[in-house]
Amino acid sequence: MADIYVYAYVEDEPTEAVLKKMIEYVNSYSRNRFLFCNGAPVITRGYGNLKNTACRFLRAEKSGIWSIFVTDLDQFETVHSLCNNWFGLSCFRQLPSQMIFRIAVREVESWIIADKEGIAEFLNVAVANFTDLPDNISDPKQFIFKVIRHKCRNKKYKEMLPLRGQAIGIEYNPQIVSFITNNWNIENAMNKSPSLKQAIQCFASRLSSI
C-alpha cells in the first residue's frame, strides 16, 4: 500500500467538499490512497486563479509532483475546448500522468443533484423535482434555486437564494456543504452523472497504476 500525497485545487467550498468525498470513496476500495498535501484542497476563489495555478503545475511536470484540479465546464461548449483554452492541448490525455484534471458537466451542482433522492430528502421536496440526467442541465445552480424558490418552505433553505447582485445566498455554501458531507450518496450520484463516474474511474485508475 502506498500513500500518494497530492496537491489539490478547486474554485469553491462545494467543490472542495465533493472532491474530499470522491477521494475518500476511491481510497476506501483501492490498495493505494491519495492524501491531500496541507490537509485539504485549496480553494482558489475563481476560475482565473484556478487556471493560473494549473498552468504553473503543468510547467513543473518533471518535478514528480501529483496534483488534482476540479473545475466546471461553464461557458465552454466541450471538454476539448476548455482544455485548449487552458493548456493549448487538444485533450486531457496529453497532460502529465501525475496531473489529474476533472470537469463537472456543467457545474459541480450537477454532481450534487445526481443523488436526486438524497437532495430531495435534504430539501424536503418531492424526488420528482429532480432529473435522471443532471449532466444535461445547462445551469444546475439555477436549477437548485428554482426548486428552492418554488418548492421549499423552510427559511434556512430560502436563505440559500441570492439577493439582488449576489451569485448565491448567505446560506448556500453552508447548506450545500452540509448535504455533501453528511448526506450525499456518491454511488447513487455516479449512476446518474456520467462525468462524475468518469472522474471517479480516473482517480481509481491512477491509483491502481502506481
N, C-alpha and C. Protein backbone atom coordinates (compact mmCIF):
# COMPACT_ATOMS: atom_id res chain seq x y z
N MET A 1 0.85 -1.20 0.00
CA MET A 1 0.00 0.00 0.00
C MET A 1 0.88 1.24 0.00
N ALA A 2 0.56 2.20 -0.88
CA ALA A 2 1.34 3.43 -1.00
C ALA A 2 0.45 4.64 -0.74
N ASP A 3 0.99 5.59 -0.01
CA ASP A 3 0.31 6.87 0.20
C ASP A 3 0.85 7.87 -0.82
N ILE A 4 -0.05 8.42 -1.62
CA ILE A 4 0.34 9.38 -2.64
C ILE A 4 -0.12 10.76 -2.20
N TYR A 5 0.83 11.61 -1.90
CA TYR A 5 0.49 12.96 -1.46
C TYR A 5 0.26 13.84 -2.69
N VAL A 6 -0.88 14.52 -2.67
CA VAL A 6 -1.31 15.25 -3.86
C VAL A 6 -1.75 16.67 -3.48
N TYR A 7 -1.32 17.63 -4.29
CA TYR A 7 -1.83 19.00 -4.15
C TYR A 7 -3.16 19.07 -4.91
N ALA A 8 -4.14 19.71 -4.30
CA ALA A 8 -5.47 19.76 -4.91
C ALA A 8 -6.01 21.18 -4.88
N TYR A 9 -6.68 21.56 -5.97
CA TYR A 9 -7.19 22.93 -6.11
C TYR A 9 -8.59 22.92 -6.70
N VAL A 10 -9.46 23.74 -6.12
CA VAL A 10 -10.85 23.87 -6.56
C VAL A 10 -11.24 25.34 -6.49
N GLU A 11 -12.41 25.66 -7.03
CA GLU A 11 -12.85 27.06 -7.06
C GLU A 11 -13.61 27.49 -5.81
N ASP A 12 -14.35 26.57 -5.17
CA ASP A 12 -15.25 26.99 -4.10
C ASP A 12 -15.47 25.87 -3.09
N GLU A 13 -16.22 26.20 -2.03
CA GLU A 13 -16.44 25.26 -0.93
C GLU A 13 -17.22 24.00 -1.35
N PRO A 14 -18.30 24.12 -2.14
CA PRO A 14 -18.98 22.89 -2.54
C PRO A 14 -18.09 21.93 -3.32
N THR A 15 -17.24 22.46 -4.20
CA THR A 15 -16.34 21.59 -4.95
C THR A 15 -15.30 20.97 -4.04
N GLU A 16 -14.84 21.72 -3.05
CA GLU A 16 -13.91 21.16 -2.07
C GLU A 16 -14.54 19.97 -1.35
N ALA A 17 -15.79 20.12 -0.91
CA ALA A 17 -16.48 19.05 -0.19
C ALA A 17 -16.70 17.83 -1.08
N VAL A 18 -17.05 18.08 -2.34
CA VAL A 18 -17.25 16.98 -3.29
C VAL A 18 -15.95 16.23 -3.53
N LEU A 19 -14.86 16.96 -3.75
CA LEU A 19 -13.58 16.30 -4.00
C LEU A 19 -13.13 15.47 -2.80
N LYS A 20 -13.31 15.99 -1.61
CA LYS A 20 -12.97 15.21 -0.41
C LYS A 20 -13.75 13.90 -0.38
N LYS A 21 -15.04 13.97 -0.69
CA LYS A 21 -15.89 12.78 -0.67
C LYS A 21 -15.46 11.79 -1.75
N MET A 22 -15.10 12.29 -2.92
CA MET A 22 -14.66 11.44 -4.02
C MET A 22 -13.38 10.69 -3.65
N ILE A 23 -12.42 11.41 -3.10
CA ILE A 23 -11.15 10.78 -2.74
C ILE A 23 -11.35 9.77 -1.61
N GLU A 24 -12.18 10.12 -0.65
CA GLU A 24 -12.49 9.19 0.44
C GLU A 24 -13.11 7.90 -0.12
N TYR A 25 -13.99 8.05 -1.10
CA TYR A 25 -14.64 6.89 -1.70
C TYR A 25 -13.63 6.02 -2.45
N VAL A 26 -12.80 6.63 -3.28
CA VAL A 26 -11.82 5.87 -4.06
C VAL A 26 -10.81 5.20 -3.13
N ASN A 27 -10.36 5.91 -2.12
CA ASN A 27 -9.41 5.33 -1.17
C ASN A 27 -9.97 4.11 -0.45
N SER A 28 -11.30 4.08 -0.29
CA SER A 28 -11.92 3.00 0.51
C SER A 28 -11.80 1.64 -0.15
N TYR A 29 -11.60 1.60 -1.48
CA TYR A 29 -11.51 0.30 -2.14
C TYR A 29 -10.22 0.11 -2.95
N SER A 30 -9.29 1.05 -2.85
CA SER A 30 -8.03 0.95 -3.59
C SER A 30 -6.90 0.48 -2.68
N ARG A 31 -5.95 -0.21 -3.25
CA ARG A 31 -4.82 -0.68 -2.44
C ARG A 31 -3.88 0.48 -2.10
N ASN A 32 -3.87 1.51 -2.92
CA ASN A 32 -3.13 2.73 -2.62
C ASN A 32 -4.13 3.83 -2.26
N ARG A 33 -3.65 4.96 -1.79
CA ARG A 33 -4.58 6.03 -1.45
C ARG A 33 -3.95 7.40 -1.68
N PHE A 34 -4.82 8.35 -2.02
CA PHE A 34 -4.42 9.74 -2.14
C PHE A 34 -4.57 10.42 -0.78
N LEU A 35 -3.58 11.22 -0.41
CA LEU A 35 -3.65 12.06 0.77
C LEU A 35 -3.38 13.49 0.34
N PHE A 36 -4.23 14.42 0.80
CA PHE A 36 -4.05 15.81 0.41
C PHE A 36 -2.86 16.44 1.13
N CYS A 37 -2.01 17.11 0.37
CA CYS A 37 -0.97 17.93 0.99
C CYS A 37 -1.63 19.08 1.73
N ASN A 38 -1.10 19.42 2.88
CA ASN A 38 -1.64 20.52 3.70
C ASN A 38 -3.05 20.23 4.20
N GLY A 39 -3.49 18.98 4.10
CA GLY A 39 -4.73 18.58 4.76
C GLY A 39 -6.01 18.70 3.97
N ALA A 40 -6.07 19.57 2.98
CA ALA A 40 -7.33 19.75 2.27
C ALA A 40 -7.08 20.43 0.93
N PRO A 41 -8.03 20.32 -0.02
CA PRO A 41 -7.89 21.08 -1.26
C PRO A 41 -7.86 22.59 -0.99
N VAL A 42 -7.12 23.29 -1.81
CA VAL A 42 -7.04 24.75 -1.72
C VAL A 42 -8.16 25.36 -2.55
N ILE A 43 -8.89 26.28 -1.97
CA ILE A 43 -9.96 26.99 -2.68
C ILE A 43 -9.36 28.25 -3.30
N THR A 44 -9.38 28.34 -4.63
CA THR A 44 -8.70 29.44 -5.32
C THR A 44 -9.56 30.69 -5.49
N ARG A 45 -10.86 30.56 -5.20
CA ARG A 45 -11.78 31.71 -5.33
C ARG A 45 -11.81 32.24 -6.75
N GLY A 46 -12.17 31.37 -7.66
CA GLY A 46 -12.39 31.87 -9.02
C GLY A 46 -11.71 31.06 -10.10
N TYR A 47 -12.33 31.12 -11.26
CA TYR A 47 -11.87 30.40 -12.45
C TYR A 47 -10.46 30.82 -12.87
N GLY A 48 -10.22 32.14 -12.88
CA GLY A 48 -8.92 32.64 -13.33
C GLY A 48 -7.77 32.16 -12.46
N ASN A 49 -7.96 32.20 -11.15
CA ASN A 49 -6.91 31.75 -10.23
C ASN A 49 -6.65 30.26 -10.38
N LEU A 50 -7.70 29.48 -10.57
CA LEU A 50 -7.54 28.04 -10.74
C LEU A 50 -6.78 27.74 -12.03
N LYS A 51 -7.13 28.43 -13.09
CA LYS A 51 -6.45 28.24 -14.37
C LYS A 51 -4.97 28.58 -14.26
N ASN A 52 -4.65 29.70 -13.63
CA ASN A 52 -3.25 30.11 -13.50
C ASN A 52 -2.45 29.09 -12.68
N THR A 53 -3.06 28.57 -11.62
CA THR A 53 -2.38 27.58 -10.79
C THR A 53 -2.14 26.29 -11.58
N ALA A 54 -3.13 25.87 -12.34
CA ALA A 54 -2.99 24.66 -13.15
C ALA A 54 -1.87 24.80 -14.17
N CYS A 55 -1.76 25.96 -14.78
CA CYS A 55 -0.71 26.18 -15.77
C CYS A 55 0.66 26.15 -15.13
N ARG A 56 0.78 26.64 -13.90
CA ARG A 56 2.08 26.57 -13.20
C ARG A 56 2.46 25.12 -12.93
N PHE A 57 1.51 24.30 -12.55
CA PHE A 57 1.80 22.88 -12.30
C PHE A 57 2.18 22.16 -13.60
N LEU A 58 1.57 22.56 -14.71
CA LEU A 58 1.90 21.94 -15.99
C LEU A 58 3.36 22.23 -16.35
N ARG A 59 3.80 23.43 -16.08
CA ARG A 59 5.20 23.79 -16.38
C ARG A 59 6.18 23.04 -15.50
N ALA A 60 5.70 22.58 -14.33
CA ALA A 60 6.56 21.85 -13.40
C ALA A 60 6.36 20.34 -13.51
N GLU A 61 5.94 19.87 -14.69
CA GLU A 61 5.54 18.47 -14.85
C GLU A 61 6.67 17.49 -14.55
N LYS A 62 7.91 17.88 -14.69
CA LYS A 62 9.03 16.95 -14.48
C LYS A 62 9.43 16.84 -13.01
N SER A 63 8.75 17.57 -12.15
CA SER A 63 9.12 17.56 -10.73
C SER A 63 8.62 16.33 -10.00
N GLY A 64 7.71 15.59 -10.60
CA GLY A 64 7.16 14.41 -9.95
C GLY A 64 6.06 14.70 -8.96
N ILE A 65 5.57 15.95 -8.94
CA ILE A 65 4.51 16.34 -8.00
C ILE A 65 3.15 15.90 -8.53
N TRP A 66 2.35 15.29 -7.66
CA TRP A 66 0.99 14.93 -8.01
C TRP A 66 0.06 16.13 -7.75
N SER A 67 -0.90 16.33 -8.65
CA SER A 67 -1.86 17.42 -8.45
C SER A 67 -3.23 17.02 -9.00
N ILE A 68 -4.27 17.58 -8.39
CA ILE A 68 -5.65 17.37 -8.83
C ILE A 68 -6.32 18.74 -8.98
N PHE A 69 -6.99 18.93 -10.09
CA PHE A 69 -7.77 20.15 -10.32
C PHE A 69 -9.19 19.75 -10.72
N VAL A 70 -10.17 20.40 -10.10
CA VAL A 70 -11.57 20.16 -10.45
C VAL A 70 -12.21 21.50 -10.76
N THR A 71 -12.81 21.59 -11.94
CA THR A 71 -13.46 22.83 -12.35
C THR A 71 -14.79 22.51 -13.03
N ASP A 72 -15.51 23.55 -13.43
CA ASP A 72 -16.78 23.41 -14.13
C ASP A 72 -16.59 23.62 -15.62
N LEU A 73 -17.44 23.00 -16.42
CA LEU A 73 -17.42 23.25 -17.86
C LEU A 73 -17.89 24.67 -18.16
N ASP A 74 -18.87 25.13 -17.40
CA ASP A 74 -19.37 26.51 -17.50
C ASP A 74 -19.69 26.90 -18.95
N GLN A 75 -19.02 27.98 -19.42
CA GLN A 75 -19.39 28.55 -20.72
C GLN A 75 -18.81 27.80 -21.90
N PHE A 76 -17.90 26.87 -21.66
CA PHE A 76 -17.29 26.14 -22.76
C PHE A 76 -18.26 25.11 -23.33
N GLU A 77 -18.23 24.95 -24.64
CA GLU A 77 -19.14 24.02 -25.29
C GLU A 77 -18.74 22.57 -25.06
N THR A 78 -17.43 22.31 -25.05
CA THR A 78 -16.95 20.94 -24.90
C THR A 78 -15.75 20.90 -23.95
N VAL A 79 -15.46 19.70 -23.47
CA VAL A 79 -14.27 19.49 -22.64
C VAL A 79 -13.01 19.83 -23.42
N HIS A 80 -12.99 19.50 -24.72
CA HIS A 80 -11.80 19.75 -25.54
C HIS A 80 -11.54 21.24 -25.72
N SER A 81 -12.61 22.03 -25.84
CA SER A 81 -12.42 23.48 -26.00
C SER A 81 -11.88 24.09 -24.71
N LEU A 82 -12.29 23.58 -23.56
CA LEU A 82 -11.74 24.07 -22.30
C LEU A 82 -10.27 23.70 -22.18
N CYS A 83 -9.93 22.47 -22.54
CA CYS A 83 -8.54 22.02 -22.48
C CYS A 83 -7.65 22.88 -23.37
N ASN A 84 -8.14 23.19 -24.56
CA ASN A 84 -7.36 24.03 -25.47
C ASN A 84 -7.18 25.43 -24.92
N ASN A 85 -8.24 25.98 -24.31
CA ASN A 85 -8.16 27.32 -23.74
C ASN A 85 -7.19 27.39 -22.58
N TRP A 86 -7.20 26.38 -21.72
CA TRP A 86 -6.36 26.40 -20.53
C TRP A 86 -4.90 26.05 -20.84
N PHE A 87 -4.71 25.02 -21.66
CA PHE A 87 -3.37 24.45 -21.81
C PHE A 87 -2.84 24.44 -23.24
N GLY A 88 -3.66 24.80 -24.21
CA GLY A 88 -3.23 24.72 -25.60
C GLY A 88 -3.09 23.28 -26.07
N LEU A 89 -3.83 22.36 -25.44
CA LEU A 89 -3.78 20.94 -25.79
C LEU A 89 -5.14 20.51 -26.35
N SER A 90 -5.12 19.48 -27.17
CA SER A 90 -6.37 19.03 -27.79
C SER A 90 -7.19 18.14 -26.87
N CYS A 91 -6.55 17.48 -25.88
CA CYS A 91 -7.28 16.64 -24.94
C CYS A 91 -6.47 16.48 -23.66
N PHE A 92 -7.16 16.10 -22.58
CA PHE A 92 -6.51 16.00 -21.27
C PHE A 92 -5.58 14.80 -21.16
N ARG A 93 -5.69 13.85 -22.09
CA ARG A 93 -4.76 12.71 -22.07
C ARG A 93 -3.33 13.14 -22.36
N GLN A 94 -3.17 14.37 -22.88
CA GLN A 94 -1.83 14.88 -23.16
C GLN A 94 -1.18 15.52 -21.94
N LEU A 95 -1.93 15.65 -20.85
CA LEU A 95 -1.35 16.18 -19.61
C LEU A 95 -0.45 15.14 -18.97
N PRO A 96 0.50 15.56 -18.13
CA PRO A 96 1.34 14.59 -17.41
C PRO A 96 0.48 13.64 -16.59
N SER A 97 0.92 12.40 -16.45
CA SER A 97 0.12 11.38 -15.76
C SER A 97 -0.12 11.72 -14.30
N GLN A 98 0.76 12.52 -13.70
CA GLN A 98 0.61 12.88 -12.30
C GLN A 98 -0.24 14.13 -12.09
N MET A 99 -0.76 14.69 -13.18
CA MET A 99 -1.63 15.86 -13.10
C MET A 99 -3.03 15.43 -13.51
N ILE A 100 -3.95 15.41 -12.55
CA ILE A 100 -5.31 14.93 -12.80
C ILE A 100 -6.24 16.13 -12.89
N PHE A 101 -6.91 16.26 -14.03
CA PHE A 101 -7.79 17.40 -14.28
C PHE A 101 -9.17 16.87 -14.61
N ARG A 102 -10.16 17.22 -13.79
CA ARG A 102 -11.53 16.73 -13.99
C ARG A 102 -12.50 17.89 -14.08
N ILE A 103 -13.52 17.69 -14.93
CA ILE A 103 -14.50 18.73 -15.19
C ILE A 103 -15.90 18.22 -14.84
N ALA A 104 -16.60 19.02 -14.03
CA ALA A 104 -18.01 18.73 -13.74
C ALA A 104 -18.85 19.30 -14.88
N VAL A 105 -19.69 18.48 -15.45
CA VAL A 105 -20.55 18.92 -16.55
C VAL A 105 -21.97 19.12 -15.99
N ARG A 106 -22.47 20.39 -16.04
CA ARG A 106 -21.74 21.59 -16.43
C ARG A 106 -21.16 22.30 -15.21
N GLU A 107 -21.71 22.05 -14.04
CA GLU A 107 -21.18 22.60 -12.79
C GLU A 107 -21.13 21.49 -11.76
N VAL A 108 -20.42 21.74 -10.66
CA VAL A 108 -20.37 20.72 -9.61
C VAL A 108 -21.76 20.43 -9.05
N GLU A 109 -22.67 21.40 -9.19
CA GLU A 109 -24.04 21.16 -8.73
C GLU A 109 -24.71 20.02 -9.50
N SER A 110 -24.28 19.76 -10.73
CA SER A 110 -24.87 18.63 -11.46
C SER A 110 -24.48 17.32 -10.79
N TRP A 111 -23.28 17.24 -10.24
CA TRP A 111 -22.86 16.05 -9.49
C TRP A 111 -23.64 15.94 -8.18
N ILE A 112 -23.88 17.07 -7.56
CA ILE A 112 -24.57 17.08 -6.27
C ILE A 112 -26.01 16.60 -6.42
N ILE A 113 -26.74 17.15 -7.40
CA ILE A 113 -28.15 16.78 -7.55
C ILE A 113 -28.32 15.45 -8.28
N ALA A 114 -27.20 14.84 -8.72
CA ALA A 114 -27.29 13.50 -9.32
C ALA A 114 -27.77 12.48 -8.29
N ASP A 115 -27.51 12.73 -7.01
CA ASP A 115 -28.14 11.93 -5.95
C ASP A 115 -29.49 12.57 -5.68
N LYS A 116 -30.43 12.33 -6.57
CA LYS A 116 -31.69 13.06 -6.51
C LYS A 116 -32.54 12.68 -5.30
N GLU A 117 -32.45 11.41 -4.88
CA GLU A 117 -33.18 11.02 -3.68
C GLU A 117 -32.62 11.73 -2.45
N GLY A 118 -31.30 11.84 -2.39
CA GLY A 118 -30.67 12.50 -1.25
C GLY A 118 -30.95 13.98 -1.17
N ILE A 119 -30.82 14.68 -2.30
CA ILE A 119 -31.03 16.13 -2.28
C ILE A 119 -32.51 16.45 -2.07
N ALA A 120 -33.40 15.60 -2.58
CA ALA A 120 -34.84 15.82 -2.36
C ALA A 120 -35.18 15.68 -0.89
N GLU A 121 -34.62 14.65 -0.25
CA GLU A 121 -34.88 14.46 1.17
C GLU A 121 -34.29 15.61 1.98
N PHE A 122 -33.10 16.05 1.60
CA PHE A 122 -32.44 17.14 2.32
C PHE A 122 -33.26 18.43 2.26
N LEU A 123 -33.80 18.74 1.09
CA LEU A 123 -34.59 19.96 0.92
C LEU A 123 -36.07 19.77 1.30
N ASN A 124 -36.43 18.51 1.61
CA ASN A 124 -37.80 18.17 1.97
C ASN A 124 -38.77 18.50 0.84
N VAL A 125 -38.41 18.05 -0.37
CA VAL A 125 -39.27 18.23 -1.53
C VAL A 125 -39.41 16.88 -2.23
N ALA A 126 -40.31 16.77 -3.18
CA ALA A 126 -40.54 15.52 -3.90
C ALA A 126 -39.37 15.20 -4.82
N VAL A 127 -39.05 13.92 -4.93
CA VAL A 127 -37.96 13.47 -5.82
C VAL A 127 -38.25 13.85 -7.26
N ALA A 128 -39.52 13.93 -7.62
CA ALA A 128 -39.92 14.26 -8.99
C ALA A 128 -39.43 15.63 -9.44
N ASN A 129 -38.99 16.46 -8.50
CA ASN A 129 -38.45 17.78 -8.87
C ASN A 129 -37.07 17.68 -9.50
N PHE A 130 -36.44 16.52 -9.43
CA PHE A 130 -35.09 16.35 -9.95
C PHE A 130 -35.07 15.35 -11.10
N THR A 131 -34.02 15.38 -11.89
CA THR A 131 -33.95 14.64 -13.13
C THR A 131 -32.95 13.48 -13.06
N ASP A 132 -33.13 12.52 -13.95
CA ASP A 132 -32.17 11.43 -14.08
C ASP A 132 -31.00 11.81 -14.97
N LEU A 133 -31.03 13.01 -15.54
CA LEU A 133 -29.97 13.45 -16.47
C LEU A 133 -29.39 14.79 -16.03
N PRO A 134 -28.78 14.85 -14.86
CA PRO A 134 -28.29 16.13 -14.35
C PRO A 134 -27.19 16.76 -15.21
N ASP A 135 -26.40 15.94 -15.91
CA ASP A 135 -25.34 16.48 -16.76
C ASP A 135 -25.89 17.27 -17.94
N ASN A 136 -27.17 17.08 -18.25
CA ASN A 136 -27.79 17.79 -19.38
C ASN A 136 -28.37 19.14 -18.99
N ILE A 137 -28.38 19.46 -17.71
CA ILE A 137 -28.94 20.75 -17.27
C ILE A 137 -27.93 21.86 -17.58
N SER A 138 -28.38 22.90 -18.24
CA SER A 138 -27.46 23.96 -18.69
C SER A 138 -26.94 24.80 -17.53
N ASP A 139 -27.73 24.98 -16.47
CA ASP A 139 -27.31 25.80 -15.33
C ASP A 139 -27.81 25.13 -14.04
N PRO A 140 -27.07 24.13 -13.54
CA PRO A 140 -27.54 23.36 -12.38
C PRO A 140 -27.76 24.19 -11.12
N LYS A 141 -26.95 25.22 -10.91
CA LYS A 141 -27.14 26.04 -9.71
C LYS A 141 -28.48 26.77 -9.77
N GLN A 142 -28.80 27.32 -10.93
CA GLN A 142 -30.09 27.98 -11.09
C GLN A 142 -31.24 26.98 -10.98
N PHE A 143 -31.00 25.75 -11.39
CA PHE A 143 -31.99 24.69 -11.24
C PHE A 143 -32.31 24.47 -9.76
N ILE A 144 -31.25 24.42 -8.93
CA ILE A 144 -31.45 24.27 -7.48
C ILE A 144 -32.22 25.47 -6.93
N PHE A 145 -31.84 26.66 -7.36
CA PHE A 145 -32.54 27.86 -6.89
C PHE A 145 -34.03 27.80 -7.25
N LYS A 146 -34.33 27.32 -8.43
CA LYS A 146 -35.73 27.25 -8.86
C LYS A 146 -36.53 26.30 -7.98
N VAL A 147 -35.94 25.15 -7.65
CA VAL A 147 -36.62 24.19 -6.79
C VAL A 147 -36.85 24.81 -5.41
N ILE A 148 -35.81 25.45 -4.86
CA ILE A 148 -35.95 26.07 -3.54
C ILE A 148 -37.00 27.17 -3.56
N ARG A 149 -36.96 27.98 -4.59
CA ARG A 149 -37.86 29.14 -4.68
C ARG A 149 -39.33 28.71 -4.74
N HIS A 150 -39.60 27.63 -5.46
CA HIS A 150 -40.99 27.25 -5.70
C HIS A 150 -41.49 26.10 -4.82
N LYS A 151 -40.55 25.33 -4.22
CA LYS A 151 -40.98 24.13 -3.51
C LYS A 151 -40.62 24.12 -2.02
N CYS A 152 -39.57 24.82 -1.62
CA CYS A 152 -39.13 24.76 -0.22
C CYS A 152 -39.89 25.78 0.63
N ARG A 153 -40.17 25.38 1.86
CA ARG A 153 -40.85 26.28 2.79
C ARG A 153 -39.96 26.70 3.96
N ASN A 154 -38.94 25.90 4.24
CA ASN A 154 -38.07 26.17 5.38
C ASN A 154 -37.23 27.42 5.13
N LYS A 155 -37.18 28.31 6.09
CA LYS A 155 -36.48 29.58 5.94
C LYS A 155 -35.00 29.40 5.66
N LYS A 156 -34.37 28.39 6.27
CA LYS A 156 -32.93 28.23 6.09
C LYS A 156 -32.58 27.91 4.64
N TYR A 157 -33.50 27.25 3.93
CA TYR A 157 -33.25 26.98 2.51
C TYR A 157 -33.55 28.21 1.66
N LYS A 158 -34.54 28.99 2.05
CA LYS A 158 -34.82 30.23 1.33
C LYS A 158 -33.61 31.17 1.39
N GLU A 159 -32.84 31.09 2.48
CA GLU A 159 -31.66 31.94 2.62
C GLU A 159 -30.48 31.46 1.76
N MET A 160 -30.67 30.35 1.06
CA MET A 160 -29.68 29.92 0.06
C MET A 160 -29.83 30.73 -1.23
N LEU A 161 -30.98 31.35 -1.41
CA LEU A 161 -31.26 32.08 -2.64
C LEU A 161 -30.51 33.41 -2.66
N PRO A 162 -29.98 33.79 -3.82
CA PRO A 162 -29.25 35.07 -3.91
C PRO A 162 -30.18 36.26 -3.87
N LEU A 163 -29.74 37.31 -3.22
CA LEU A 163 -30.43 38.59 -3.29
C LEU A 163 -29.90 39.35 -4.50
N ARG A 164 -30.48 40.48 -4.77
CA ARG A 164 -30.08 41.26 -5.94
C ARG A 164 -28.57 41.54 -5.90
N GLY A 165 -27.90 41.24 -6.98
CA GLY A 165 -26.46 41.50 -7.08
C GLY A 165 -25.58 40.38 -6.52
N GLN A 166 -26.19 39.34 -5.95
CA GLN A 166 -25.42 38.23 -5.40
C GLN A 166 -25.46 37.03 -6.36
N ALA A 167 -24.40 36.21 -6.28
CA ALA A 167 -24.37 34.97 -7.05
C ALA A 167 -25.07 33.85 -6.28
N ILE A 168 -24.91 33.86 -4.95
CA ILE A 168 -25.54 32.86 -4.09
C ILE A 168 -25.98 33.54 -2.80
N GLY A 169 -26.93 32.90 -2.10
CA GLY A 169 -27.38 33.43 -0.82
C GLY A 169 -26.41 33.11 0.30
N ILE A 170 -26.61 33.75 1.44
CA ILE A 170 -25.70 33.62 2.57
C ILE A 170 -25.62 32.19 3.10
N GLU A 171 -26.70 31.43 2.96
CA GLU A 171 -26.72 30.06 3.47
C GLU A 171 -26.42 29.01 2.39
N TYR A 172 -26.13 29.44 1.18
CA TYR A 172 -25.95 28.46 0.10
C TYR A 172 -24.78 27.51 0.37
N ASN A 173 -23.59 28.05 0.53
CA ASN A 173 -22.43 27.18 0.75
C ASN A 173 -22.55 26.35 2.02
N PRO A 174 -22.91 26.93 3.17
CA PRO A 174 -23.05 26.10 4.37
C PRO A 174 -24.03 24.95 4.23
N GLN A 175 -25.17 25.20 3.61
CA GLN A 175 -26.19 24.15 3.48
C GLN A 175 -25.77 23.08 2.47
N ILE A 176 -25.23 23.49 1.34
CA ILE A 176 -24.80 22.52 0.32
C ILE A 176 -23.64 21.68 0.83
N VAL A 177 -22.69 22.32 1.50
CA VAL A 177 -21.54 21.57 2.05
C VAL A 177 -22.02 20.59 3.11
N SER A 178 -22.98 21.00 3.94
CA SER A 178 -23.54 20.09 4.94
C SER A 178 -24.17 18.87 4.28
N PHE A 179 -24.91 19.11 3.21
CA PHE A 179 -25.52 17.98 2.48
C PHE A 179 -24.45 17.04 1.93
N ILE A 180 -23.45 17.59 1.27
CA ILE A 180 -22.40 16.76 0.66
C ILE A 180 -21.69 15.94 1.73
N THR A 181 -21.33 16.58 2.81
CA THR A 181 -20.54 15.93 3.86
C THR A 181 -21.32 14.84 4.57
N ASN A 182 -22.59 15.10 4.84
CA ASN A 182 -23.36 14.20 5.71
C ASN A 182 -24.37 13.32 5.01
N ASN A 183 -24.82 13.70 3.82
CA ASN A 183 -25.96 13.00 3.22
C ASN A 183 -25.74 12.53 1.78
N TRP A 184 -24.82 13.14 1.06
CA TRP A 184 -24.65 12.85 -0.37
C TRP A 184 -24.21 11.41 -0.58
N ASN A 185 -24.97 10.66 -1.37
CA ASN A 185 -24.64 9.27 -1.69
C ASN A 185 -23.93 9.25 -3.03
N ILE A 186 -22.62 9.08 -2.99
CA ILE A 186 -21.81 9.21 -4.20
C ILE A 186 -22.11 8.10 -5.20
N GLU A 187 -22.45 6.91 -4.73
CA GLU A 187 -22.75 5.82 -5.65
C GLU A 187 -24.06 6.08 -6.40
N ASN A 188 -25.06 6.60 -5.70
CA ASN A 188 -26.30 7.00 -6.38
C ASN A 188 -26.04 8.08 -7.42
N ALA A 189 -25.20 9.04 -7.06
CA ALA A 189 -24.88 10.14 -7.96
C ALA A 189 -24.13 9.66 -9.20
N MET A 190 -23.22 8.71 -9.03
CA MET A 190 -22.47 8.16 -10.16
C MET A 190 -23.39 7.49 -11.17
N ASN A 191 -24.47 6.91 -10.70
CA ASN A 191 -25.41 6.23 -11.60
C ASN A 191 -26.16 7.20 -12.50
N LYS A 192 -26.22 8.47 -12.10
CA LYS A 192 -26.97 9.47 -12.87
C LYS A 192 -26.06 10.45 -13.62
N SER A 193 -24.81 10.58 -13.19
CA SER A 193 -23.91 11.56 -13.79
C SER A 193 -22.70 10.88 -14.43
N PRO A 194 -22.67 10.77 -15.75
CA PRO A 194 -21.52 10.16 -16.43
C PRO A 194 -20.21 10.89 -16.14
N SER A 195 -20.23 12.22 -16.04
CA SER A 195 -18.99 12.94 -15.80
C SER A 195 -18.44 12.67 -14.40
N LEU A 196 -19.31 12.48 -13.42
CA LEU A 196 -18.86 12.12 -12.08
C LEU A 196 -18.28 10.70 -12.09
N LYS A 197 -18.96 9.79 -12.74
CA LYS A 197 -18.48 8.40 -12.81
C LYS A 197 -17.12 8.34 -13.48
N GLN A 198 -16.93 9.10 -14.54
CA GLN A 198 -15.64 9.13 -15.24
C GLN A 198 -14.54 9.69 -14.34
N ALA A 199 -14.88 10.70 -13.54
CA ALA A 199 -13.89 11.28 -12.62
C ALA A 199 -13.46 10.26 -11.57
N ILE A 200 -14.41 9.55 -11.01
CA ILE A 200 -14.10 8.51 -10.03
C ILE A 200 -13.23 7.43 -10.66
N GLN A 201 -13.58 7.01 -11.85
CA GLN A 201 -12.80 5.98 -12.54
C GLN A 201 -11.39 6.46 -12.84
N CYS A 202 -11.25 7.73 -13.14
CA CYS A 202 -9.92 8.29 -13.40
C CYS A 202 -9.06 8.23 -12.15
N PHE A 203 -9.61 8.66 -11.00
CA PHE A 203 -8.86 8.61 -9.75
C PHE A 203 -8.44 7.19 -9.43
N ALA A 204 -9.37 6.25 -9.57
CA ALA A 204 -9.08 4.85 -9.26
C ALA A 204 -8.01 4.29 -10.18
N SER A 205 -8.09 4.64 -11.46
CA SER A 205 -7.11 4.15 -12.43
C SER A 205 -5.71 4.66 -12.13
N ARG A 206 -5.60 5.93 -11.76
CA ARG A 206 -4.28 6.48 -11.42
C ARG A 206 -3.70 5.79 -10.20
N LEU A 207 -4.55 5.52 -9.21
CA LEU A 207 -4.06 4.83 -8.01
C LEU A 207 -3.60 3.41 -8.32
N SER A 208 -4.35 2.72 -9.16
CA SER A 208 -4.00 1.33 -9.45
C SER A 208 -2.75 1.20 -10.31
N SER A 209 -2.38 2.29 -11.01
CA SER A 209 -1.22 2.23 -11.90
C SER A 209 0.10 2.48 -11.17
N ILE A 210 0.03 2.85 -9.89
CA ILE A 210 1.23 3.18 -9.13
C ILE A 210 1.95 1.90 -8.68
